[in-house]
Every structure is written in structure tokens, then in C-alpha cells.
Amino acid sequence: MKNTRAALRYAKALLSLSVENKQTHLAEQDMQAVVDLFAATQELTPFLENPTITNAVKESTLLKLFPKAAPITQQLIQLLSQNNRIDLLDEVAASYLQLLSVQKGEATATVTTAVALTPALEKTVLEKATSLSAAKLTLVNRVDPSIIGGFILRIGDLQYNASVAHQLEQMKRELTQTNYSA
């Protein structure tokens, strides 16, 4: 992350303005399009970070990439350009989407497992996760064979690590810290 604090400030301002003007849906669509474009195009980030390219060129390029962008999004791009922060656009967009989900009472529960979850197990995990959070949850399953077995459940700041790799690491720590004397 380049400058998450600055990006978060711009995202909060955008959220405030979009709520005030009742344009949250338009801004959400545009910010999702920005996130998707940055994920699909590897050349865009180096282009925006290139100091030899003027902000005016970067701004006009972004406005051409998003010709149907709402006026509020166009204003954001112009403001970022004026403040020499155009390279933060992807982070502002991601932060905006996170802030909007929190405002809507939505959250993502990420469960990391060694193998993919079956639909029945996914339903069970989602039910358990819902009991831990008042937010409307969507479940994302990440597969990471390095955890060996078990799972890691993360909802916002809350993390429950029941992986075999974590348990082995805890046992190793306990055994190396304990002084055994005969």
C-alpha cells in the first residue's frame, strides 16, 4: 500500500459527499469499475506512478477509461490530479467500497482452509460466522495448503485460527520456552 491514510481520507470524503448527494450507488459502481480495471490491467499502476508523465495526461487518460463515470467520480479524479495524488485512485476506490459495506452493515467472512469447502460445510461455516457478527456476511473461501488442516476464520478485525499449522507452532513455542530440569 502506497499511502493508505491519505487514500482513506479521500474515500471518507467521497462517501460523505455521495451520501449527501444520494449518489452512493453511482459511486459504488464507479469505484468497483476502478478496482476491477486495476486488477485486470498491470500497466495502469506504473503509468500513474510515473513522475515523467504529467498529472493532466494521467487525468485525461483516466477520464477516457471511464467515459460513463458519474460526475462525482470525475470530480474525484480531478481532485486527486490537482493534489498530485492520482496514483492513489485504486486505494481510494477499495477503501470507499469497504467503508460503504460497513455503512450498509455488510461484512466479509474469509475462511482459509487446506482444501476447498463443500457447499454443505460452507453453509455450516456461514451459520457459525453469522453468530459471531451482527453484520450481513458473505463467505469467501481461500485455499492455502500450508495450513495443513483445520481453518482460519476472519471477520473484520476478529480472527479465529484453528489451523493445524498454528497448533504445531504453538506446541513448538511451548516446548522451546519450557526449561526441563531432571
N, C-alpha and C. Protein backbone atom coordinates (compact mmCIF):
# COMPACT_ATOMS: atom_id res chain seq x y z
N MET A 1 0.83 -1.18 0.00
CA MET A 1 0.00 0.00 0.00
C MET A 1 0.88 1.25 0.00
N LYS A 2 0.53 2.17 -0.88
CA LYS A 2 1.33 3.36 -1.03
C LYS A 2 1.11 4.35 0.12
N ASN A 3 -0.11 4.73 0.32
CA ASN A 3 -0.43 5.72 1.35
C ASN A 3 -1.87 5.52 1.78
N THR A 4 -2.11 4.51 2.59
CA THR A 4 -3.46 4.15 2.96
C THR A 4 -4.17 5.23 3.77
N ARG A 5 -3.45 5.96 4.57
CA ARG A 5 -4.10 7.01 5.38
C ARG A 5 -4.68 8.09 4.48
N ALA A 6 -3.93 8.52 3.51
CA ALA A 6 -4.42 9.55 2.58
C ALA A 6 -5.58 8.99 1.75
N ALA A 7 -5.44 7.76 1.29
CA ALA A 7 -6.50 7.14 0.49
C ALA A 7 -7.78 7.01 1.31
N LEU A 8 -7.64 6.67 2.58
CA LEU A 8 -8.80 6.54 3.45
C LEU A 8 -9.50 7.89 3.64
N ARG A 9 -8.71 8.96 3.76
CA ARG A 9 -9.31 10.29 3.90
C ARG A 9 -10.11 10.67 2.66
N TYR A 10 -9.55 10.41 1.48
CA TYR A 10 -10.28 10.69 0.24
C TYR A 10 -11.53 9.83 0.14
N ALA A 11 -11.43 8.56 0.54
CA ALA A 11 -12.57 7.65 0.48
C ALA A 11 -13.68 8.10 1.42
N LYS A 12 -13.30 8.55 2.62
CA LYS A 12 -14.30 9.06 3.57
C LYS A 12 -14.99 10.30 3.02
N ALA A 13 -14.22 11.17 2.41
CA ALA A 13 -14.80 12.38 1.82
C ALA A 13 -15.75 12.02 0.68
N LEU A 14 -15.35 11.06 -0.15
CA LEU A 14 -16.20 10.61 -1.25
C LEU A 14 -17.48 9.99 -0.71
N LEU A 15 -17.37 9.18 0.32
CA LEU A 15 -18.55 8.56 0.91
C LEU A 15 -19.49 9.63 1.48
N SER A 16 -18.93 10.57 2.18
CA SER A 16 -19.73 11.65 2.76
C SER A 16 -20.47 12.43 1.67
N LEU A 17 -19.75 12.76 0.63
CA LEU A 17 -20.33 13.53 -0.47
C LEU A 17 -21.38 12.71 -1.22
N SER A 18 -21.10 11.43 -1.44
CA SER A 18 -22.05 10.58 -2.17
C SER A 18 -23.32 10.34 -1.36
N VAL A 19 -23.19 10.23 -0.03
CA VAL A 19 -24.37 10.07 0.81
C VAL A 19 -25.18 11.37 0.80
N GLU A 20 -24.48 12.48 0.93
CA GLU A 20 -25.14 13.79 0.95
C GLU A 20 -25.91 14.05 -0.35
N ASN A 21 -25.34 13.65 -1.48
CA ASN A 21 -25.97 13.87 -2.79
C ASN A 21 -26.81 12.68 -3.25
N LYS A 22 -26.97 11.69 -2.38
CA LYS A 22 -27.73 10.47 -2.69
C LYS A 22 -27.22 9.80 -3.98
N GLN A 23 -25.91 9.67 -4.07
CA GLN A 23 -25.28 9.05 -5.23
C GLN A 23 -24.38 7.88 -4.83
N THR A 24 -24.67 7.24 -3.71
CA THR A 24 -23.81 6.15 -3.26
C THR A 24 -23.79 5.01 -4.27
N HIS A 25 -24.93 4.74 -4.89
CA HIS A 25 -24.99 3.64 -5.85
C HIS A 25 -24.12 3.94 -7.07
N LEU A 26 -24.17 5.16 -7.57
CA LEU A 26 -23.34 5.54 -8.72
C LEU A 26 -21.86 5.47 -8.37
N ALA A 27 -21.51 6.02 -7.21
CA ALA A 27 -20.11 6.00 -6.79
C ALA A 27 -19.64 4.56 -6.56
N GLU A 28 -20.51 3.73 -6.01
CA GLU A 28 -20.14 2.33 -5.77
C GLU A 28 -19.84 1.62 -7.09
N GLN A 29 -20.70 1.83 -8.09
CA GLN A 29 -20.48 1.21 -9.40
C GLN A 29 -19.15 1.67 -10.00
N ASP A 30 -18.89 2.98 -9.92
CA ASP A 30 -17.66 3.52 -10.49
C ASP A 30 -16.43 3.00 -9.74
N MET A 31 -16.49 2.97 -8.42
CA MET A 31 -15.34 2.51 -7.64
C MET A 31 -15.09 1.03 -7.87
N GLN A 32 -16.16 0.25 -8.06
CA GLN A 32 -15.98 -1.17 -8.37
C GLN A 32 -15.34 -1.32 -9.74
N ALA A 33 -15.73 -0.46 -10.69
CA ALA A 33 -15.12 -0.49 -12.03
C ALA A 33 -13.64 -0.13 -11.94
N VAL A 34 -13.29 0.82 -11.08
CA VAL A 34 -11.89 1.21 -10.89
C VAL A 34 -11.09 0.03 -10.33
N VAL A 35 -11.62 -0.60 -9.28
CA VAL A 35 -10.94 -1.74 -8.66
C VAL A 35 -10.76 -2.86 -9.69
N ASP A 36 -11.81 -3.14 -10.46
CA ASP A 36 -11.73 -4.20 -11.47
C ASP A 36 -10.70 -3.88 -12.55
N LEU A 37 -10.66 -2.62 -12.98
CA LEU A 37 -9.70 -2.23 -14.02
C LEU A 37 -8.27 -2.35 -13.52
N PHE A 38 -8.01 -1.91 -12.29
CA PHE A 38 -6.66 -2.02 -11.74
C PHE A 38 -6.25 -3.47 -11.57
N ALA A 39 -7.20 -4.32 -11.21
CA ALA A 39 -6.89 -5.75 -11.05
C ALA A 39 -6.60 -6.40 -12.39
N ALA A 40 -7.26 -5.94 -13.44
CA ALA A 40 -7.10 -6.56 -14.76
C ALA A 40 -5.94 -5.99 -15.56
N THR A 41 -5.53 -4.75 -15.24
CA THR A 41 -4.51 -4.07 -16.04
C THR A 41 -3.27 -3.80 -15.19
N GLN A 42 -2.20 -4.50 -15.48
CA GLN A 42 -0.97 -4.33 -14.71
C GLN A 42 -0.22 -3.05 -15.08
N GLU A 43 -0.47 -2.51 -16.25
CA GLU A 43 0.27 -1.33 -16.71
C GLU A 43 -0.25 -0.03 -16.12
N LEU A 44 -1.45 -0.05 -15.56
CA LEU A 44 -2.07 1.19 -15.10
C LEU A 44 -1.37 1.77 -13.87
N THR A 45 -1.01 0.96 -12.91
CA THR A 45 -0.33 1.46 -11.71
C THR A 45 1.02 2.10 -12.04
N PRO A 46 1.90 1.43 -12.79
CA PRO A 46 3.16 2.09 -13.15
C PRO A 46 2.95 3.38 -13.95
N PHE A 47 1.93 3.41 -14.79
CA PHE A 47 1.61 4.62 -15.56
C PHE A 47 1.28 5.77 -14.62
N LEU A 48 0.43 5.52 -13.62
CA LEU A 48 0.02 6.58 -12.69
C LEU A 48 1.15 6.99 -11.74
N GLU A 49 2.07 6.07 -11.47
CA GLU A 49 3.19 6.37 -10.57
C GLU A 49 4.37 7.02 -11.30
N ASN A 50 4.35 7.03 -12.61
CA ASN A 50 5.46 7.56 -13.40
C ASN A 50 5.56 9.08 -13.24
N PRO A 51 6.65 9.58 -12.67
CA PRO A 51 6.77 11.02 -12.45
C PRO A 51 7.03 11.83 -13.73
N THR A 52 7.42 11.17 -14.81
CA THR A 52 7.68 11.90 -16.05
C THR A 52 6.40 12.21 -16.84
N ILE A 53 5.31 11.57 -16.47
CA ILE A 53 4.02 11.83 -17.12
C ILE A 53 3.27 12.86 -16.29
N THR A 54 2.78 13.89 -16.92
CA THR A 54 2.10 14.96 -16.19
C THR A 54 0.76 14.47 -15.64
N ASN A 55 0.32 15.15 -14.59
CA ASN A 55 -0.97 14.80 -13.99
C ASN A 55 -2.11 15.05 -14.96
N ALA A 56 -1.97 16.05 -15.81
CA ALA A 56 -3.02 16.34 -16.80
C ALA A 56 -3.21 15.17 -17.76
N VAL A 57 -2.10 14.56 -18.18
CA VAL A 57 -2.18 13.40 -19.08
C VAL A 57 -2.80 12.22 -18.33
N LYS A 58 -2.39 12.01 -17.10
CA LYS A 58 -2.94 10.91 -16.30
C LYS A 58 -4.45 11.11 -16.10
N GLU A 59 -4.84 12.34 -15.76
CA GLU A 59 -6.25 12.65 -15.54
C GLU A 59 -7.07 12.42 -16.80
N SER A 60 -6.60 12.94 -17.94
CA SER A 60 -7.36 12.77 -19.18
C SER A 60 -7.44 11.30 -19.59
N THR A 61 -6.38 10.54 -19.33
CA THR A 61 -6.40 9.11 -19.64
C THR A 61 -7.44 8.39 -18.79
N LEU A 62 -7.47 8.69 -17.49
CA LEU A 62 -8.45 8.06 -16.60
C LEU A 62 -9.88 8.44 -17.00
N LEU A 63 -10.08 9.69 -17.36
CA LEU A 63 -11.42 10.13 -17.76
C LEU A 63 -11.84 9.45 -19.07
N LYS A 64 -10.88 9.14 -19.93
CA LYS A 64 -11.19 8.40 -21.16
C LYS A 64 -11.48 6.93 -20.86
N LEU A 65 -10.79 6.38 -19.84
CA LEU A 65 -11.03 4.99 -19.46
C LEU A 65 -12.41 4.80 -18.82
N PHE A 66 -12.92 5.87 -18.21
CA PHE A 66 -14.23 5.84 -17.56
C PHE A 66 -15.14 6.91 -18.16
N PRO A 67 -15.53 6.74 -19.43
CA PRO A 67 -16.32 7.79 -20.08
C PRO A 67 -17.73 7.94 -19.49
N LYS A 68 -18.26 6.86 -18.89
CA LYS A 68 -19.61 6.92 -18.33
C LYS A 68 -19.59 7.13 -16.82
N ALA A 69 -18.46 7.57 -16.29
CA ALA A 69 -18.34 7.78 -14.85
C ALA A 69 -19.27 8.91 -14.41
N ALA A 70 -19.80 8.75 -13.21
CA ALA A 70 -20.68 9.77 -12.64
C ALA A 70 -19.87 11.04 -12.39
N PRO A 71 -20.52 12.19 -12.37
CA PRO A 71 -19.80 13.45 -12.10
C PRO A 71 -19.01 13.43 -10.80
N ILE A 72 -19.53 12.74 -9.80
CA ILE A 72 -18.83 12.67 -8.51
C ILE A 72 -17.50 11.94 -8.66
N THR A 73 -17.45 10.93 -9.52
CA THR A 73 -16.21 10.18 -9.76
C THR A 73 -15.25 11.02 -10.59
N GLN A 74 -15.77 11.74 -11.56
CA GLN A 74 -14.94 12.63 -12.37
C GLN A 74 -14.31 13.71 -11.48
N GLN A 75 -15.09 14.22 -10.53
CA GLN A 75 -14.57 15.23 -9.60
C GLN A 75 -13.46 14.63 -8.73
N LEU A 76 -13.64 13.39 -8.31
CA LEU A 76 -12.61 12.72 -7.50
C LEU A 76 -11.31 12.60 -8.29
N ILE A 77 -11.41 12.18 -9.54
CA ILE A 77 -10.21 12.03 -10.38
C ILE A 77 -9.53 13.39 -10.55
N GLN A 78 -10.31 14.44 -10.79
CA GLN A 78 -9.76 15.78 -10.95
C GLN A 78 -9.09 16.26 -9.66
N LEU A 79 -9.74 16.00 -8.52
CA LEU A 79 -9.18 16.41 -7.23
C LEU A 79 -7.87 15.68 -6.93
N LEU A 80 -7.85 14.37 -7.18
CA LEU A 80 -6.62 13.60 -6.97
C LEU A 80 -5.50 14.11 -7.87
N SER A 81 -5.85 14.49 -9.09
CA SER A 81 -4.86 15.02 -10.03
C SER A 81 -4.32 16.37 -9.54
N GLN A 82 -5.22 17.25 -9.11
CA GLN A 82 -4.81 18.57 -8.63
C GLN A 82 -3.90 18.48 -7.41
N ASN A 83 -4.18 17.50 -6.55
CA ASN A 83 -3.41 17.34 -5.32
C ASN A 83 -2.21 16.41 -5.48
N ASN A 84 -1.90 16.06 -6.72
CA ASN A 84 -0.76 15.19 -7.02
C ASN A 84 -0.88 13.84 -6.31
N ARG A 85 -2.11 13.31 -6.24
CA ARG A 85 -2.39 12.03 -5.58
C ARG A 85 -3.09 11.06 -6.52
N ILE A 86 -2.97 11.28 -7.80
CA ILE A 86 -3.68 10.46 -8.78
C ILE A 86 -3.33 8.99 -8.67
N ASP A 87 -2.13 8.68 -8.19
CA ASP A 87 -1.70 7.29 -8.05
C ASP A 87 -2.42 6.57 -6.91
N LEU A 88 -3.20 7.29 -6.11
CA LEU A 88 -3.95 6.68 -5.01
C LEU A 88 -5.33 6.20 -5.43
N LEU A 89 -5.71 6.40 -6.69
CA LEU A 89 -7.08 6.11 -7.11
C LEU A 89 -7.52 4.69 -6.77
N ASP A 90 -6.66 3.71 -7.01
CA ASP A 90 -7.05 2.32 -6.72
C ASP A 90 -7.29 2.10 -5.23
N GLU A 91 -6.46 2.70 -4.39
CA GLU A 91 -6.64 2.55 -2.94
C GLU A 91 -7.87 3.30 -2.45
N VAL A 92 -8.13 4.47 -3.02
CA VAL A 92 -9.33 5.24 -2.65
C VAL A 92 -10.57 4.43 -3.00
N ALA A 93 -10.57 3.83 -4.18
CA ALA A 93 -11.72 3.03 -4.62
C ALA A 93 -11.95 1.84 -3.69
N ALA A 94 -10.88 1.12 -3.36
CA ALA A 94 -11.01 -0.04 -2.47
C ALA A 94 -11.47 0.39 -1.08
N SER A 95 -10.92 1.48 -0.57
CA SER A 95 -11.32 1.98 0.74
C SER A 95 -12.77 2.43 0.74
N TYR A 96 -13.19 3.08 -0.33
CA TYR A 96 -14.59 3.52 -0.44
C TYR A 96 -15.53 2.32 -0.36
N LEU A 97 -15.21 1.27 -1.11
CA LEU A 97 -16.06 0.08 -1.12
C LEU A 97 -16.14 -0.56 0.27
N GLN A 98 -15.01 -0.58 0.98
CA GLN A 98 -15.01 -1.13 2.34
C GLN A 98 -15.85 -0.27 3.28
N LEU A 99 -15.68 1.04 3.21
CA LEU A 99 -16.45 1.95 4.06
C LEU A 99 -17.95 1.85 3.78
N LEU A 100 -18.29 1.73 2.51
CA LEU A 100 -19.70 1.62 2.14
C LEU A 100 -20.30 0.33 2.66
N SER A 101 -19.55 -0.77 2.58
CA SER A 101 -20.06 -2.04 3.11
C SER A 101 -20.30 -1.95 4.60
N VAL A 102 -19.38 -1.30 5.32
CA VAL A 102 -19.55 -1.14 6.76
C VAL A 102 -20.80 -0.31 7.04
N GLN A 103 -20.98 0.74 6.26
CA GLN A 103 -22.15 1.60 6.46
C GLN A 103 -23.45 0.84 6.18
N LYS A 104 -23.41 -0.07 5.22
CA LYS A 104 -24.59 -0.87 4.88
C LYS A 104 -24.81 -2.02 5.88
N GLY A 105 -23.84 -2.24 6.76
CA GLY A 105 -23.95 -3.35 7.71
C GLY A 105 -23.54 -4.68 7.11
N GLU A 106 -22.68 -4.63 6.11
CA GLU A 106 -22.22 -5.85 5.46
C GLU A 106 -20.77 -6.11 5.84
N ALA A 107 -20.40 -7.38 5.81
CA ALA A 107 -19.01 -7.74 6.08
C ALA A 107 -18.69 -9.03 5.32
N THR A 108 -17.41 -9.27 5.17
CA THR A 108 -16.96 -10.49 4.50
C THR A 108 -16.30 -11.39 5.53
N ALA A 109 -16.74 -12.62 5.56
CA ALA A 109 -16.11 -13.62 6.41
C ALA A 109 -15.20 -14.44 5.50
N THR A 110 -13.91 -14.40 5.79
CA THR A 110 -12.95 -15.15 4.99
C THR A 110 -12.52 -16.38 5.76
N VAL A 111 -12.74 -17.53 5.18
CA VAL A 111 -12.31 -18.76 5.82
C VAL A 111 -11.23 -19.37 4.94
N THR A 112 -10.07 -19.61 5.56
CA THR A 112 -8.94 -20.21 4.85
C THR A 112 -8.83 -21.66 5.28
N THR A 113 -8.81 -22.54 4.29
CA THR A 113 -8.74 -23.97 4.57
C THR A 113 -7.66 -24.60 3.70
N ALA A 114 -7.27 -25.82 4.03
CA ALA A 114 -6.25 -26.52 3.25
C ALA A 114 -6.83 -27.04 1.94
N VAL A 115 -8.12 -27.34 1.94
CA VAL A 115 -8.82 -27.79 0.73
C VAL A 115 -10.11 -26.98 0.60
N ALA A 116 -10.67 -26.94 -0.58
CA ALA A 116 -11.90 -26.18 -0.80
C ALA A 116 -13.05 -26.74 0.03
N LEU A 117 -13.91 -25.86 0.50
CA LEU A 117 -15.07 -26.27 1.29
C LEU A 117 -16.15 -26.84 0.38
N THR A 118 -16.85 -27.84 0.88
CA THR A 118 -18.02 -28.35 0.18
C THR A 118 -19.17 -27.38 0.43
N PRO A 119 -20.19 -27.37 -0.40
CA PRO A 119 -21.32 -26.46 -0.17
C PRO A 119 -21.98 -26.64 1.20
N ALA A 120 -22.09 -27.87 1.67
CA ALA A 120 -22.70 -28.12 2.97
C ALA A 120 -21.84 -27.54 4.09
N LEU A 121 -20.54 -27.74 4.00
CA LEU A 121 -19.62 -27.21 5.00
C LEU A 121 -19.58 -25.68 4.94
N GLU A 122 -19.66 -25.14 3.74
CA GLU A 122 -19.69 -23.69 3.56
C GLU A 122 -20.90 -23.09 4.27
N LYS A 123 -22.04 -23.76 4.14
CA LYS A 123 -23.28 -23.30 4.80
C LYS A 123 -23.11 -23.33 6.32
N THR A 124 -22.52 -24.40 6.83
CA THR A 124 -22.30 -24.53 8.27
C THR A 124 -21.37 -23.44 8.79
N VAL A 125 -20.28 -23.19 8.07
CA VAL A 125 -19.32 -22.15 8.48
C VAL A 125 -20.00 -20.79 8.46
N LEU A 126 -20.81 -20.52 7.44
CA LEU A 126 -21.50 -19.24 7.35
C LEU A 126 -22.48 -19.06 8.51
N GLU A 127 -23.17 -20.12 8.90
CA GLU A 127 -24.08 -20.05 10.05
C GLU A 127 -23.32 -19.73 11.33
N LYS A 128 -22.18 -20.39 11.55
CA LYS A 128 -21.37 -20.13 12.74
C LYS A 128 -20.81 -18.71 12.72
N ALA A 129 -20.35 -18.27 11.55
CA ALA A 129 -19.79 -16.93 11.43
C ALA A 129 -20.87 -15.88 11.69
N THR A 130 -22.09 -16.14 11.25
CA THR A 130 -23.20 -15.21 11.46
C THR A 130 -23.48 -15.04 12.95
N SER A 131 -23.25 -16.09 13.73
CA SER A 131 -23.47 -15.99 15.18
C SER A 131 -22.41 -15.13 15.85
N LEU A 132 -21.26 -14.92 15.17
CA LEU A 132 -20.19 -14.10 15.73
C LEU A 132 -20.30 -12.63 15.36
N SER A 133 -21.10 -12.32 14.35
CA SER A 133 -21.18 -10.95 13.87
C SER A 133 -22.62 -10.57 13.58
N ALA A 134 -22.96 -9.32 13.88
CA ALA A 134 -24.30 -8.83 13.60
C ALA A 134 -24.45 -8.40 12.15
N ALA A 135 -23.34 -8.27 11.45
CA ALA A 135 -23.36 -7.80 10.06
C ALA A 135 -23.89 -8.89 9.13
N LYS A 136 -24.37 -8.47 7.98
CA LYS A 136 -24.78 -9.40 6.93
C LYS A 136 -23.50 -9.91 6.27
N LEU A 137 -23.24 -11.20 6.40
CA LEU A 137 -21.97 -11.76 5.96
C LEU A 137 -22.05 -12.44 4.61
N THR A 138 -20.97 -12.30 3.86
CA THR A 138 -20.75 -13.11 2.67
C THR A 138 -19.49 -13.91 2.94
N LEU A 139 -19.49 -15.16 2.54
CA LEU A 139 -18.36 -16.05 2.84
C LEU A 139 -17.44 -16.17 1.63
N VAL A 140 -16.15 -16.01 1.90
CA VAL A 140 -15.13 -16.20 0.88
C VAL A 140 -14.22 -17.32 1.37
N ASN A 141 -14.04 -18.33 0.54
CA ASN A 141 -13.18 -19.46 0.91
C ASN A 141 -11.85 -19.33 0.17
N ARG A 142 -10.76 -19.25 0.94
CA ARG A 142 -9.42 -19.24 0.36
C ARG A 142 -8.77 -20.57 0.67
N VAL A 143 -8.09 -21.11 -0.29
CA VAL A 143 -7.40 -22.39 -0.11
C VAL A 143 -5.91 -22.12 0.05
N ASP A 144 -5.36 -22.61 1.17
CA ASP A 144 -3.93 -22.47 1.46
C ASP A 144 -3.44 -23.79 2.05
N PRO A 145 -2.83 -24.64 1.23
CA PRO A 145 -2.38 -25.95 1.71
C PRO A 145 -1.35 -25.86 2.85
N SER A 146 -0.69 -24.71 3.01
CA SER A 146 0.34 -24.60 4.05
C SER A 146 -0.24 -24.64 5.47
N ILE A 147 -1.56 -24.47 5.63
CA ILE A 147 -2.12 -24.55 6.99
C ILE A 147 -2.36 -26.00 7.41
N ILE A 148 -2.09 -26.93 6.52
CA ILE A 148 -2.12 -28.38 6.73
C ILE A 148 -3.55 -28.91 6.93
N GLY A 149 -4.29 -28.35 7.85
CA GLY A 149 -5.66 -28.77 8.13
C GLY A 149 -6.31 -27.74 9.01
N GLY A 150 -7.57 -27.97 9.33
CA GLY A 150 -8.30 -27.00 10.15
C GLY A 150 -8.71 -25.80 9.31
N PHE A 151 -8.86 -24.64 9.98
CA PHE A 151 -9.29 -23.45 9.26
C PHE A 151 -8.86 -22.19 9.99
N ILE A 152 -8.90 -21.08 9.26
CA ILE A 152 -8.69 -19.75 9.84
C ILE A 152 -9.90 -18.93 9.40
N LEU A 153 -10.64 -18.42 10.38
CA LEU A 153 -11.83 -17.61 10.09
C LEU A 153 -11.53 -16.17 10.44
N ARG A 154 -11.78 -15.27 9.49
CA ARG A 154 -11.53 -13.85 9.72
C ARG A 154 -12.77 -13.06 9.32
N ILE A 155 -13.27 -12.27 10.29
CA ILE A 155 -14.40 -11.36 10.06
C ILE A 155 -13.96 -10.00 10.56
N GLY A 156 -13.64 -9.11 9.65
CA GLY A 156 -13.16 -7.79 10.04
C GLY A 156 -11.88 -7.91 10.83
N ASP A 157 -11.89 -7.41 12.07
CA ASP A 157 -10.72 -7.46 12.93
C ASP A 157 -10.62 -8.76 13.72
N LEU A 158 -11.68 -9.54 13.74
CA LEU A 158 -11.73 -10.77 14.51
C LEU A 158 -11.13 -11.92 13.69
N GLN A 159 -10.21 -12.66 14.31
CA GLN A 159 -9.63 -13.81 13.63
C GLN A 159 -9.59 -14.98 14.59
N TYR A 160 -10.06 -16.13 14.12
CA TYR A 160 -10.01 -17.37 14.89
C TYR A 160 -9.17 -18.35 14.09
N ASN A 161 -8.03 -18.74 14.65
CA ASN A 161 -7.09 -19.61 13.95
C ASN A 161 -7.14 -21.00 14.57
N ALA A 162 -7.76 -21.92 13.87
CA ALA A 162 -7.84 -23.31 14.31
C ALA A 162 -7.12 -24.21 13.32
N SER A 163 -6.04 -23.69 12.74
CA SER A 163 -5.30 -24.48 11.75
C SER A 163 -4.31 -25.40 12.44
N VAL A 164 -4.00 -26.49 11.80
CA VAL A 164 -3.03 -27.45 12.31
C VAL A 164 -1.64 -26.79 12.37
N ALA A 165 -1.31 -26.01 11.37
CA ALA A 165 -0.01 -25.33 11.35
C ALA A 165 0.14 -24.40 12.55
N HIS A 166 -0.93 -23.70 12.91
CA HIS A 166 -0.90 -22.79 14.07
C HIS A 166 -0.73 -23.59 15.37
N GLN A 167 -1.46 -24.69 15.48
CA GLN A 167 -1.36 -25.52 16.68
C GLN A 167 0.04 -26.11 16.83
N LEU A 168 0.64 -26.54 15.71
CA LEU A 168 2.01 -27.06 15.76
C LEU A 168 3.00 -25.97 16.17
N GLU A 169 2.79 -24.77 15.66
CA GLU A 169 3.66 -23.64 16.01
C GLU A 169 3.54 -23.31 17.50
N GLN A 170 2.32 -23.37 18.04
CA GLN A 170 2.13 -23.12 19.47
C GLN A 170 2.84 -24.18 20.32
N MET A 171 2.73 -25.44 19.92
CA MET A 171 3.41 -26.51 20.67
C MET A 171 4.92 -26.33 20.61
N LYS A 172 5.43 -25.95 19.44
CA LYS A 172 6.86 -25.72 19.29
C LYS A 172 7.33 -24.60 20.22
N ARG A 173 6.55 -23.51 20.27
CA ARG A 173 6.89 -22.39 21.15
C ARG A 173 6.89 -22.81 22.62
N GLU A 174 5.88 -23.56 23.02
CA GLU A 174 5.78 -24.02 24.40
C GLU A 174 6.95 -24.94 24.77
N LEU A 175 7.32 -25.83 23.85
CA LEU A 175 8.40 -26.76 24.13
C LEU A 175 9.76 -26.07 24.17
N THR A 176 9.96 -25.07 23.35
CA THR A 176 11.25 -24.38 23.35
C THR A 176 11.38 -23.39 24.49
N GLN A 177 10.25 -22.92 25.03
CA GLN A 177 10.31 -21.95 26.12
C GLN A 177 10.33 -22.61 27.49
N THR A 178 9.98 -23.84 27.56
CA THR A 178 9.92 -24.54 28.84
C THR A 178 11.30 -25.11 29.18
N ASN A 179 11.76 -24.83 30.37
CA ASN A 179 13.03 -25.39 30.84
C ASN A 179 12.74 -26.64 31.65
N TYR A 180 13.21 -27.75 31.15
CA TYR A 180 13.02 -29.01 31.85
C TYR A 180 14.30 -29.32 32.62
N SER A 181 14.12 -29.58 33.88
CA SER A 181 15.30 -29.98 34.67
C SER A 181 15.01 -31.33 35.31
N ALA A 182 16.01 -32.17 35.32
CA ALA A 182 15.84 -33.52 35.82
C ALA A 182 15.96 -33.60 37.31
